[in-house]
Amino acid sequence: MDRLGRTAQALVFLIVVGIGDLAATGFAVAQAWQNAQESYQQGIQAERAGEFELALQAYRDAVKNGADLPPAIGAYVRMARIFMSQRLDADAQDALSQALQRDPQNSDALIMQARLLMVQDKPRKAARILEELILREPVAIEAGVGLVEAALIGQEPAQIKQAVNRLRTLVGDSPDQRARAAQAAKEEADFLISTGRISQAVFLADQAFSLDGSASNKQFFAMTQYQANDLAGSAQLFQELQADPKSRDFASAMLNQIEAQRKESQLDDKRRRWRQLQSSARESEIAGKLDDAIRSY
């Protein structure tokens, strides 16, 4: 075999070996992706069930299996969400830093970074991140809802109105877009509840219902009002929900619960007034004015 023939043979050998290595590498990446994705999904299921420690362990497994792959980045973001709900801000920031180090333009990580800034009472810094994201799909609507949330935390009425109007313009009249915005508003309301910002959560729940007046969104609004101890407002919504066959049983149960709480509250008020009467009577008796104390009640 001449030199040219030997060279050609060597090149064929190198190509075959290279293709084999590439195939092996591709298989390893695909396997790592699958393992990380499975762990990530297990984490989401555990998180939805309220099993946060199990969720964190599953997300750590996703990170271990996925390295720099998208499921691992998603796991870091979900870990940050859990840490924020537990007010472990330093752990949340570390998880977000890991995600953004791997993908600096990851929209989910940037939105979560804005959330963390809001938890830390830095709504203007959060708004700067969201202003960039509102121009970017597929997270523009979620960023728009985030801007409403930032304005609420900043307690700036003009900014709140502007952010709401901007969100409405962004969503338009599309039922799908309105439903998507309502879902994003409910998720942010849940997040605000977990961080103790119940009044802002009520506002976002109201926005969700006004964007998409489905029975499920009305029920969410009613429950948020109930958590804010607005018994009258939540009772009115639950009464309306009794007309919906799918919501009737739950609405009736909540109305019974609200009525029981009202009666308990009235009883507590009577007890409080009785204690005041007793205290006043003792003081008046000492002062020789018992009849005046009794008449005052």
Protein backbone atom coordinates (compact mmCIF):
# COMPACT_ATOMS: atom_id res chain seq x y z
CA MET A 1 0.00 0.00 0.00
CA ASP A 2 1.42 3.38 -1.00
CA ARG A 3 1.73 6.39 1.27
CA LEU A 4 -1.53 7.90 0.01
CA GLY A 5 -3.38 4.66 0.69
CA ARG A 6 -1.98 4.40 4.22
CA THR A 7 -2.91 8.05 4.89
CA ALA A 8 -6.46 7.48 3.69
CA GLN A 9 -6.76 4.38 5.86
CA ALA A 10 -5.53 6.32 8.90
CA LEU A 11 -8.01 9.10 8.24
CA VAL A 12 -10.87 6.62 8.00
CA PHE A 13 -9.77 5.06 11.29
CA LEU A 14 -9.67 8.47 13.01
CA ILE A 15 -13.08 9.42 11.67
CA VAL A 16 -14.61 6.14 12.85
CA VAL A 17 -13.07 6.53 16.29
CA GLY A 18 -14.20 10.16 16.45
CA ILE A 19 -17.76 9.28 15.51
CA GLY A 20 -17.75 6.55 18.14
CA ASP A 21 -16.55 8.96 20.83
CA LEU A 22 -19.11 11.54 19.74
CA ALA A 23 -21.90 8.99 19.90
CA ALA A 24 -20.79 7.87 23.35
CA THR A 25 -20.66 11.48 24.53
CA GLY A 26 -24.11 12.17 23.07
CA PHE A 27 -25.53 9.12 24.81
CA ALA A 28 -24.00 10.19 28.14
CA VAL A 29 -25.47 13.68 27.82
CA ALA A 30 -28.89 12.28 26.90
CA GLN A 31 -28.80 9.94 29.90
CA ALA A 32 -27.74 12.74 32.23
CA TRP A 33 -30.54 14.95 30.88
CA GLN A 34 -33.11 12.20 31.41
CA ASN A 35 -31.93 11.50 34.97
CA ALA A 36 -31.91 15.19 35.85
CA GLN A 37 -35.36 15.70 34.31
CA GLU A 38 -36.82 12.80 36.30
CA SER A 39 -35.42 14.21 39.54
CA TYR A 40 -36.69 17.68 38.62
CA GLN A 41 -40.23 16.39 38.03
CA GLN A 42 -40.13 14.47 41.32
CA GLY A 43 -39.15 17.71 43.04
CA ILE A 44 -42.08 19.59 41.53
CA GLN A 45 -44.51 16.88 42.63
CA ALA A 46 -43.12 16.91 46.17
CA GLU A 47 -43.21 20.71 46.27
CA ARG A 48 -46.86 20.79 45.18
CA ALA A 49 -47.66 18.31 47.93
CA GLY A 50 -46.00 20.55 50.51
CA GLU A 51 -43.13 18.11 51.06
CA PHE A 52 -40.42 20.74 50.79
CA GLU A 53 -37.52 18.72 52.20
CA LEU A 54 -38.23 15.91 49.75
CA ALA A 55 -38.49 18.49 46.99
CA LEU A 56 -35.13 20.01 47.89
CA GLN A 57 -33.49 16.59 47.89
CA ALA A 58 -34.94 15.81 44.45
CA TYR A 59 -33.73 19.16 43.10
CA ARG A 60 -30.26 18.49 44.52
CA ASP A 61 -30.29 15.15 42.69
CA ALA A 62 -31.24 16.98 39.49
CA VAL A 63 -28.32 19.35 39.97
CA LYS A 64 -25.97 16.44 40.64
CA ASN A 65 -27.14 14.54 37.57
CA GLY A 66 -27.60 17.46 35.22
CA ALA A 67 -24.57 19.70 35.82
CA ASP A 68 -25.11 22.58 33.37
CA LEU A 69 -28.16 21.12 31.60
CA PRO A 70 -31.55 22.92 31.61
CA PRO A 71 -33.20 20.59 34.19
CA ALA A 72 -30.40 21.38 36.65
CA ILE A 73 -30.79 25.12 36.07
CA GLY A 74 -34.52 24.76 36.60
CA ALA A 75 -33.84 22.86 39.82
CA TYR A 76 -31.70 25.71 41.15
CA VAL A 77 -34.55 28.12 40.44
CA ARG A 78 -37.10 25.93 42.25
CA MET A 79 -34.72 25.55 45.19
CA ALA A 80 -34.50 29.34 45.40
CA ARG A 81 -38.30 29.55 45.49
CA ILE A 82 -38.47 27.18 48.46
CA PHE A 83 -35.67 28.97 50.30
CA MET A 84 -37.45 32.30 49.82
CA SER A 85 -40.68 30.93 51.29
CA GLN A 86 -38.61 29.86 54.30
CA ARG A 87 -36.92 33.29 54.42
CA LEU A 88 -33.52 31.71 53.82
CA ASP A 89 -32.50 34.59 51.58
CA ALA A 90 -28.79 33.77 51.50
CA ASP A 91 -29.49 30.19 50.37
CA ALA A 92 -31.95 31.49 47.77
CA GLN A 93 -29.36 33.90 46.39
CA ASP A 94 -26.73 31.16 46.24
CA ALA A 95 -29.09 28.91 44.24
CA LEU A 96 -29.95 31.75 41.85
CA SER A 97 -26.29 32.63 41.41
CA GLN A 98 -25.60 29.02 40.43
CA ALA A 99 -28.43 29.12 37.88
CA LEU A 100 -27.39 32.46 36.38
CA GLN A 101 -23.73 31.43 36.27
CA ARG A 102 -24.76 28.58 33.98
CA ASP A 103 -27.23 30.63 31.95
CA PRO A 104 -26.99 34.42 32.56
CA GLN A 105 -30.07 35.13 30.43
CA ASN A 106 -32.31 32.43 31.90
CA SER A 107 -35.72 34.10 32.15
CA ASP A 108 -37.05 31.96 35.00
CA ALA A 109 -33.93 32.63 37.08
CA LEU A 110 -34.14 36.36 36.40
CA ILE A 111 -37.80 36.50 37.41
CA MET A 112 -36.95 34.63 40.61
CA GLN A 113 -34.09 37.05 41.22
CA ALA A 114 -36.61 39.89 40.95
CA ARG A 115 -38.84 38.08 43.45
CA LEU A 116 -35.97 37.78 45.91
CA LEU A 117 -35.30 41.50 45.61
CA MET A 118 -38.97 42.16 46.38
CA VAL A 119 -38.81 39.93 49.45
CA GLN A 120 -35.84 42.03 50.55
CA ASP A 121 -37.91 45.23 50.09
CA LYS A 122 -35.99 46.30 47.00
CA PRO A 123 -38.88 46.68 44.52
CA ARG A 124 -37.12 49.24 42.31
CA LYS A 125 -34.17 46.92 41.68
CA ALA A 126 -36.64 44.15 40.95
CA ALA A 127 -38.51 46.41 38.53
CA ARG A 128 -35.32 47.08 36.55
CA ILE A 129 -34.92 43.36 35.89
CA LEU A 130 -38.60 42.96 35.01
CA GLU A 131 -38.53 45.93 32.62
CA GLU A 132 -36.07 43.99 30.46
CA LEU A 133 -38.05 40.77 30.71
CA ILE A 134 -41.37 42.35 29.73
CA LEU A 135 -39.99 42.64 26.20
CA ARG A 136 -39.00 38.99 26.10
CA GLU A 137 -41.16 36.00 25.33
CA PRO A 138 -42.14 33.57 26.71
CA VAL A 139 -42.10 35.47 30.02
CA ALA A 140 -43.42 38.91 29.04
CA ILE A 141 -46.79 38.47 30.78
CA GLU A 142 -45.19 37.00 33.89
CA ALA A 143 -42.83 39.99 33.98
CA GLY A 144 -45.82 42.30 33.61
CA VAL A 145 -47.47 40.71 36.63
CA GLY A 146 -44.17 41.03 38.48
CA LEU A 147 -44.12 44.77 37.79
CA VAL A 148 -47.57 45.07 39.41
CA GLU A 149 -46.23 43.15 42.39
CA ALA A 150 -43.15 45.38 42.65
CA ALA A 151 -45.36 48.49 42.60
CA LEU A 152 -47.56 47.00 45.33
CA ILE A 153 -44.57 46.31 47.56
CA GLY A 154 -43.24 49.80 46.88
CA GLN A 155 -46.67 51.16 47.92
CA GLU A 156 -46.70 53.65 45.06
CA PRO A 157 -50.33 54.17 43.90
CA ALA A 158 -49.37 55.85 40.62
CA GLN A 159 -46.94 53.05 39.78
CA ILE A 160 -49.53 50.41 40.68
CA LYS A 161 -52.08 51.96 38.32
CA GLN A 162 -49.49 52.29 35.56
CA ALA A 163 -48.33 48.68 35.97
CA VAL A 164 -51.91 47.34 35.92
CA ASN A 165 -52.76 49.33 32.78
CA ARG A 166 -49.56 48.14 31.12
CA LEU A 167 -50.40 44.53 31.93
CA ARG A 168 -53.91 44.94 30.51
CA THR A 169 -52.50 46.39 27.31
CA LEU A 170 -49.97 43.56 27.05
CA VAL A 171 -52.64 40.90 27.55
CA GLY A 172 -55.26 42.44 25.28
CA ASP A 173 -58.56 40.64 24.65
CA SER A 174 -57.15 37.19 23.95
CA PRO A 175 -58.82 34.65 26.30
CA ASP A 176 -55.66 32.54 26.31
CA GLN A 177 -53.47 35.49 27.23
CA ARG A 178 -55.89 36.63 29.92
CA ALA A 179 -55.97 33.13 31.40
CA ARG A 180 -52.17 33.02 31.34
CA ALA A 181 -51.94 36.39 33.09
CA ALA A 182 -54.51 35.28 35.68
CA GLN A 183 -52.49 32.15 36.41
CA ALA A 184 -49.32 34.21 36.81
CA ALA A 185 -51.15 36.60 39.16
CA LYS A 186 -52.36 33.67 41.29
CA GLU A 187 -48.84 32.25 41.51
CA GLU A 188 -47.50 35.62 42.63
CA ALA A 189 -50.34 35.95 45.14
CA ASP A 190 -49.43 32.55 46.58
CA PHE A 191 -45.83 33.67 46.80
CA LEU A 192 -46.82 36.88 48.61
CA ILE A 193 -48.94 34.89 51.08
CA SER A 194 -45.93 32.66 51.83
CA THR A 195 -43.90 35.77 52.68
CA GLY A 196 -46.63 37.32 54.85
CA ARG A 197 -47.76 40.06 52.42
CA ILE A 198 -51.45 39.21 52.53
CA SER A 199 -52.90 42.58 51.51
CA GLN A 200 -50.83 42.64 48.32
CA ALA A 201 -51.85 39.02 47.69
CA VAL A 202 -55.53 40.03 47.86
CA PHE A 203 -54.92 42.71 45.22
CA LEU A 204 -53.29 40.21 42.85
CA ALA A 205 -56.04 37.64 43.47
CA ASP A 206 -58.57 40.32 42.55
CA GLN A 207 -56.61 41.05 39.37
CA ALA A 208 -56.58 37.34 38.49
CA PHE A 209 -60.35 37.13 38.84
CA SER A 210 -60.93 40.32 36.83
CA LEU A 211 -58.67 39.01 34.04
CA ASP A 212 -60.36 35.62 33.89
CA GLY A 213 -63.65 35.33 35.75
CA SER A 214 -63.68 31.55 35.97
CA ALA A 215 -65.11 29.76 39.00
CA SER A 216 -61.65 28.56 40.00
CA ASN A 217 -60.30 32.12 39.98
CA LYS A 218 -63.30 33.36 41.95
CA GLN A 219 -62.68 30.62 44.49
CA PHE A 220 -59.01 31.59 44.71
CA PHE A 221 -60.00 35.23 45.28
CA ALA A 222 -62.50 34.19 47.95
CA MET A 223 -59.91 32.05 49.75
CA THR A 224 -57.35 34.85 49.64
CA GLN A 225 -59.87 37.25 51.18
CA TYR A 226 -60.61 34.63 53.82
CA GLN A 227 -56.91 34.35 54.64
CA ALA A 228 -56.85 38.13 54.98
CA ASN A 229 -59.71 37.81 57.50
CA ASP A 230 -62.13 39.64 55.21
CA LEU A 231 -65.03 37.38 56.18
CA ALA A 232 -67.72 39.54 54.59
CA GLY A 233 -65.96 39.77 51.23
CA SER A 234 -65.13 36.07 51.08
CA ALA A 235 -68.66 35.08 52.17
CA GLN A 236 -70.19 37.08 49.33
CA LEU A 237 -68.01 35.31 46.77
CA PHE A 238 -68.69 31.87 48.26
CA GLN A 239 -72.42 32.58 48.13
CA GLU A 240 -72.08 33.32 44.41
CA LEU A 241 -70.02 30.15 43.93
CA GLN A 242 -72.87 28.02 45.27
CA ALA A 243 -74.51 28.47 41.85
CA ASP A 244 -71.63 26.53 40.26
CA PRO A 245 -72.16 22.73 40.59
CA LYS A 246 -68.42 22.02 40.79
CA SER A 247 -67.84 24.64 43.50
CA ARG A 248 -71.06 24.23 45.49
CA ASP A 249 -69.88 21.74 48.13
CA PHE A 250 -66.66 23.58 48.89
CA ALA A 251 -68.41 26.96 48.92
CA SER A 252 -71.07 25.67 51.33
CA ALA A 253 -68.40 24.25 53.64
CA MET A 254 -66.55 27.57 53.65
CA LEU A 255 -69.75 29.50 54.37
CA ASN A 256 -70.37 27.26 57.37
CA GLN A 257 -66.80 27.86 58.52
CA ILE A 258 -67.18 31.63 58.12
CA GLU A 259 -70.48 31.65 60.04
CA ALA A 260 -68.86 29.67 62.87
CA GLN A 261 -66.00 32.17 62.99
CA ARG A 262 -68.42 35.09 63.04
CA LYS A 263 -70.29 33.59 65.99
CA GLU A 264 -67.01 32.93 67.78
CA SER A 265 -65.94 36.50 67.10
CA GLN A 266 -69.23 37.82 68.47
CA LEU A 267 -68.80 35.66 71.56
CA ASP A 268 -65.25 36.92 72.00
CA ASP A 269 -66.56 40.49 71.72
CA LYS A 270 -69.17 39.82 74.39
CA ARG A 271 -66.51 38.32 76.65
CA ARG A 272 -64.28 41.32 76.07
CA ARG A 273 -67.08 43.76 76.91
CA TRP A 274 -67.98 41.75 80.02
CA ARG A 275 -64.38 41.90 81.21
CA GLN A 276 -64.42 45.64 80.61
CA LEU A 277 -67.67 45.92 82.58
CA GLN A 278 -66.23 43.95 85.47
CA SER A 279 -63.08 46.06 85.49
CA SER A 280 -65.08 49.29 85.32
CA ALA A 281 -67.45 48.09 88.01
CA ARG A 282 -64.59 47.32 90.38
CA GLU A 283 -63.07 50.73 89.76
CA SER A 284 -66.45 52.47 90.19
CA GLU A 285 -67.22 50.52 93.33
CA ILE A 286 -64.00 51.72 94.81
CA ALA A 287 -64.93 55.26 93.82
CA GLY A 288 -68.49 54.83 95.08
CA LYS A 289 -70.03 55.09 91.58
CA LEU A 290 -71.19 51.53 90.88
CA ASP A 291 -74.58 52.63 89.50
CA ASP A 292 -72.85 54.89 86.96
CA ALA A 293 -70.69 52.03 85.73
CA ILE A 294 -73.67 49.71 85.25
CA ARG A 295 -75.67 52.36 83.38
CA SER A 296 -72.74 52.98 81.03
CA TYR A 297 -73.17 49.45 79.69
